[in-house]
N, C-alpha and C. Protein backbone atom coordinates (compact mmCIF):
# COMPACT_ATOMS: atom_id res chain seq x y z
N UNK A 1 122.80 86.14 34.24
CA UNK A 1 121.67 86.83 34.80
C UNK A 1 122.07 87.41 36.16
N UNK A 2 121.72 88.63 36.38
CA UNK A 2 122.06 89.27 37.66
C UNK A 2 120.85 89.29 38.57
N UNK A 3 121.15 89.26 39.83
CA UNK A 3 120.08 89.33 40.83
C UNK A 3 119.67 90.77 41.05
N UNK A 4 118.39 90.98 41.16
CA UNK A 4 117.88 92.30 41.52
C UNK A 4 117.23 92.18 42.89
N UNK A 5 116.83 93.29 43.43
CA UNK A 5 116.20 93.28 44.75
C UNK A 5 114.95 92.41 44.76
N UNK A 6 114.25 92.35 43.64
CA UNK A 6 113.02 91.55 43.58
C UNK A 6 113.30 90.06 43.48
N UNK A 7 114.52 89.67 43.08
CA UNK A 7 114.87 88.26 42.93
C UNK A 7 115.32 87.64 44.24
N UNK A 8 115.65 88.46 45.22
CA UNK A 8 116.19 87.92 46.47
C UNK A 8 115.10 87.23 47.28
N UNK A 9 115.47 86.11 47.84
CA UNK A 9 114.57 85.39 48.73
C UNK A 9 114.76 85.97 50.12
N UNK A 10 113.67 86.37 50.76
CA UNK A 10 113.83 86.95 52.10
C UNK A 10 114.33 85.90 53.08
N UNK A 11 115.16 86.34 53.98
CA UNK A 11 115.65 85.45 55.03
C UNK A 11 114.54 85.23 56.03
N UNK A 12 114.46 84.02 56.58
CA UNK A 12 113.41 83.79 57.58
C UNK A 12 113.63 84.66 58.80
N UNK A 13 112.54 85.13 59.35
CA UNK A 13 112.63 85.95 60.57
C UNK A 13 113.14 85.07 61.70
N UNK A 14 114.01 85.62 62.49
CA UNK A 14 114.51 84.87 63.64
C UNK A 14 113.47 84.96 64.75
N UNK A 15 113.21 83.83 65.34
CA UNK A 15 112.25 83.81 66.43
C UNK A 15 112.80 83.02 67.60
N UNK A 16 112.28 83.31 68.74
CA UNK A 16 112.67 82.61 69.95
C UNK A 16 111.61 81.54 70.19
N UNK A 17 112.01 80.28 70.31
CA UNK A 17 111.01 79.25 70.54
C UNK A 17 110.27 79.47 71.87
N UNK A 18 108.98 79.26 71.83
CA UNK A 18 108.16 79.38 73.03
C UNK A 18 107.90 77.98 73.57
N UNK A 19 108.31 77.72 74.79
CA UNK A 19 108.08 76.38 75.35
C UNK A 19 106.59 76.17 75.61
N UNK A 20 106.01 75.27 74.82
CA UNK A 20 104.59 74.97 74.92
C UNK A 20 104.38 73.56 75.45
N UNK A 21 103.18 73.30 75.93
CA UNK A 21 102.86 71.96 76.42
C UNK A 21 101.42 71.62 76.05
N UNK A 22 101.26 70.48 75.38
CA UNK A 22 99.95 69.92 75.16
C UNK A 22 99.71 68.84 76.21
N UNK A 23 98.63 68.11 76.07
CA UNK A 23 98.30 67.07 77.05
C UNK A 23 99.45 66.08 77.20
N UNK A 24 100.04 65.63 76.11
CA UNK A 24 101.12 64.62 76.20
C UNK A 24 102.33 65.15 76.95
N UNK A 25 102.66 66.43 76.76
CA UNK A 25 103.79 67.01 77.49
C UNK A 25 103.46 67.13 78.98
N UNK A 26 102.22 67.44 79.29
CA UNK A 26 101.82 67.53 80.70
C UNK A 26 101.85 66.14 81.34
N UNK A 27 101.42 65.14 80.59
CA UNK A 27 101.52 63.76 81.08
C UNK A 27 102.98 63.44 81.40
N UNK A 28 103.90 63.90 80.54
CA UNK A 28 105.33 63.69 80.79
C UNK A 28 105.82 64.40 82.04
N UNK A 29 105.23 65.55 82.35
CA UNK A 29 105.63 66.27 83.56
C UNK A 29 105.05 65.62 84.82
N UNK A 30 103.87 65.05 84.68
CA UNK A 30 103.19 64.38 85.80
C UNK A 30 103.29 62.88 85.58
N UNK A 31 104.49 62.38 85.67
CA UNK A 31 104.85 61.04 85.24
C UNK A 31 103.89 59.93 85.66
N UNK A 32 103.46 59.92 86.89
CA UNK A 32 102.67 58.79 87.39
C UNK A 32 101.17 59.03 87.34
N UNK A 33 100.74 60.07 86.67
CA UNK A 33 99.32 60.38 86.57
C UNK A 33 98.85 60.05 85.15
N UNK A 34 97.72 59.37 85.05
CA UNK A 34 97.22 58.92 83.75
C UNK A 34 96.83 60.10 82.85
N UNK A 35 96.81 59.82 81.58
CA UNK A 35 96.42 60.83 80.59
C UNK A 35 95.00 61.33 80.87
N UNK A 36 94.08 60.42 81.19
CA UNK A 36 92.70 60.82 81.48
C UNK A 36 92.63 61.74 82.69
N UNK A 37 93.40 61.43 83.72
CA UNK A 37 93.41 62.26 84.93
C UNK A 37 94.03 63.62 84.63
N UNK A 38 95.07 63.65 83.82
CA UNK A 38 95.69 64.93 83.44
C UNK A 38 94.67 65.78 82.70
N UNK A 39 93.92 65.18 81.78
CA UNK A 39 92.89 65.93 81.07
C UNK A 39 91.87 66.51 82.05
N UNK A 40 91.47 65.73 83.06
CA UNK A 40 90.55 66.24 84.08
C UNK A 40 91.16 67.44 84.81
N UNK A 41 92.45 67.35 85.14
CA UNK A 41 93.11 68.44 85.85
C UNK A 41 93.08 69.73 85.03
N UNK A 42 93.20 69.61 83.71
CA UNK A 42 93.22 70.82 82.87
C UNK A 42 91.88 71.54 82.85
N UNK A 43 90.81 70.87 83.30
CA UNK A 43 89.49 71.50 83.36
C UNK A 43 89.23 72.20 84.69
N UNK A 44 90.15 72.04 85.64
CA UNK A 44 89.98 72.70 86.94
C UNK A 44 90.05 74.22 86.76
N UNK A 45 89.30 74.92 87.58
CA UNK A 45 89.27 76.39 87.48
C UNK A 45 90.61 77.01 87.84
N UNK A 46 91.42 76.30 88.65
CA UNK A 46 92.72 76.87 89.05
C UNK A 46 93.85 76.47 88.11
N UNK A 47 93.56 75.63 87.12
CA UNK A 47 94.60 75.26 86.15
C UNK A 47 94.79 76.42 85.18
N UNK A 48 96.02 76.65 84.72
CA UNK A 48 96.25 77.78 83.80
C UNK A 48 95.36 77.70 82.55
N UNK A 49 94.98 78.84 82.07
CA UNK A 49 94.21 78.91 80.84
C UNK A 49 95.11 78.55 79.66
N UNK A 50 94.57 77.87 78.65
CA UNK A 50 95.39 77.54 77.48
C UNK A 50 95.90 78.81 76.80
N UNK A 51 97.09 78.72 76.24
CA UNK A 51 97.63 79.84 75.46
C UNK A 51 96.99 79.87 74.09
N UNK A 52 96.54 78.69 73.63
CA UNK A 52 95.88 78.59 72.33
C UNK A 52 94.98 77.36 72.32
N UNK A 53 93.91 77.47 71.56
CA UNK A 53 93.01 76.34 71.37
C UNK A 53 93.09 75.95 69.91
N UNK A 54 93.70 74.81 69.65
CA UNK A 54 93.90 74.33 68.29
C UNK A 54 92.93 73.19 68.00
N UNK A 55 92.78 72.85 66.74
CA UNK A 55 91.90 71.74 66.37
C UNK A 55 92.34 70.44 67.05
N UNK A 56 93.63 70.26 67.23
CA UNK A 56 94.11 69.03 67.84
C UNK A 56 94.11 69.08 69.36
N UNK A 57 93.78 70.21 69.94
CA UNK A 57 93.71 70.31 71.39
C UNK A 57 94.29 71.61 71.91
N UNK A 58 94.09 71.82 73.19
CA UNK A 58 94.60 73.03 73.83
C UNK A 58 96.11 72.95 74.01
N UNK A 59 96.73 74.12 74.04
CA UNK A 59 98.18 74.25 74.24
C UNK A 59 98.38 75.26 75.36
N UNK A 60 99.25 74.90 76.31
CA UNK A 60 99.55 75.78 77.44
C UNK A 60 101.00 76.22 77.37
N UNK A 61 101.30 77.33 78.03
CA UNK A 61 102.69 77.73 78.20
C UNK A 61 103.28 76.80 79.26
N UNK A 62 104.39 76.18 78.91
CA UNK A 62 105.00 75.20 79.80
C UNK A 62 105.35 75.80 81.16
N UNK A 63 105.82 77.03 81.18
CA UNK A 63 106.15 77.69 82.45
C UNK A 63 104.92 77.79 83.36
N UNK A 64 103.75 78.10 82.77
CA UNK A 64 102.52 78.19 83.56
C UNK A 64 102.16 76.84 84.16
N UNK A 65 102.29 75.77 83.35
CA UNK A 65 101.97 74.43 83.83
C UNK A 65 102.94 74.01 84.93
N UNK A 66 104.23 74.27 84.73
CA UNK A 66 105.21 73.89 85.74
C UNK A 66 104.99 74.65 87.05
N UNK A 67 104.61 75.92 86.95
CA UNK A 67 104.32 76.70 88.17
C UNK A 67 103.10 76.13 88.87
N UNK A 68 102.07 75.73 88.11
CA UNK A 68 100.87 75.13 88.71
C UNK A 68 101.23 73.82 89.41
N UNK A 69 102.05 73.01 88.76
CA UNK A 69 102.47 71.74 89.37
C UNK A 69 103.21 72.01 90.67
N UNK A 70 104.13 72.96 90.67
CA UNK A 70 104.87 73.30 91.90
C UNK A 70 103.94 73.79 93.00
N UNK A 71 102.96 74.61 92.63
CA UNK A 71 102.01 75.14 93.62
C UNK A 71 101.09 74.05 94.18
N UNK A 72 100.89 72.98 93.44
CA UNK A 72 99.96 71.92 93.83
C UNK A 72 100.65 70.59 94.11
N UNK A 73 101.93 70.64 94.38
CA UNK A 73 102.70 69.40 94.55
C UNK A 73 102.18 68.53 95.69
N UNK A 74 101.75 69.13 96.79
CA UNK A 74 101.23 68.35 97.92
C UNK A 74 99.93 67.64 97.52
N UNK A 75 99.03 68.36 96.89
CA UNK A 75 97.75 67.77 96.47
C UNK A 75 97.98 66.67 95.42
N UNK A 76 98.92 66.88 94.53
CA UNK A 76 99.23 65.86 93.52
C UNK A 76 99.82 64.61 94.17
N UNK A 77 100.67 64.80 95.17
CA UNK A 77 101.24 63.66 95.89
C UNK A 77 100.14 62.89 96.62
N UNK A 78 99.20 63.61 97.22
CA UNK A 78 98.06 62.96 97.88
C UNK A 78 97.23 62.16 96.88
N UNK A 79 97.03 62.73 95.72
CA UNK A 79 96.27 62.05 94.67
C UNK A 79 96.94 60.74 94.29
N UNK A 80 98.25 60.76 94.18
CA UNK A 80 98.98 59.53 93.82
C UNK A 80 98.87 58.49 94.92
N UNK A 81 98.92 58.90 96.18
CA UNK A 81 98.80 57.96 97.30
C UNK A 81 97.41 57.32 97.31
N UNK A 82 96.40 58.06 96.95
CA UNK A 82 95.03 57.54 96.96
C UNK A 82 94.77 56.53 95.85
N UNK A 83 95.51 56.60 94.77
CA UNK A 83 95.29 55.70 93.64
C UNK A 83 96.01 54.38 93.81
N UNK A 84 96.79 54.22 94.85
CA UNK A 84 97.55 52.97 95.06
C UNK A 84 96.72 51.95 95.76
C-alpha cells in the first residue's frame, strides 16, 4: 500500500512555551508567604491581570508576576517582618 497525501499524519506545529504561573507557582516565587496571602495579593488592583481564567484558577504570565514582585520587593519584605 502506498501513502497518499491524504494518508499523511500532519506534523505537530512547533510552538514556543509560554512561561505561565498559577497560584502554586507564585507561592514558589514568594517562598515565605502563605498560599492564602498570595491569593489575597492576586486580588490587589496593582497585581497583574491574569492572562487566562481557567476552571481550575487564574493563570498569569510569569514575567508579569516576577516584574510585580521586583517592583514591590520592599513592601513584601515589610510584610514578612510583620508576620514574625
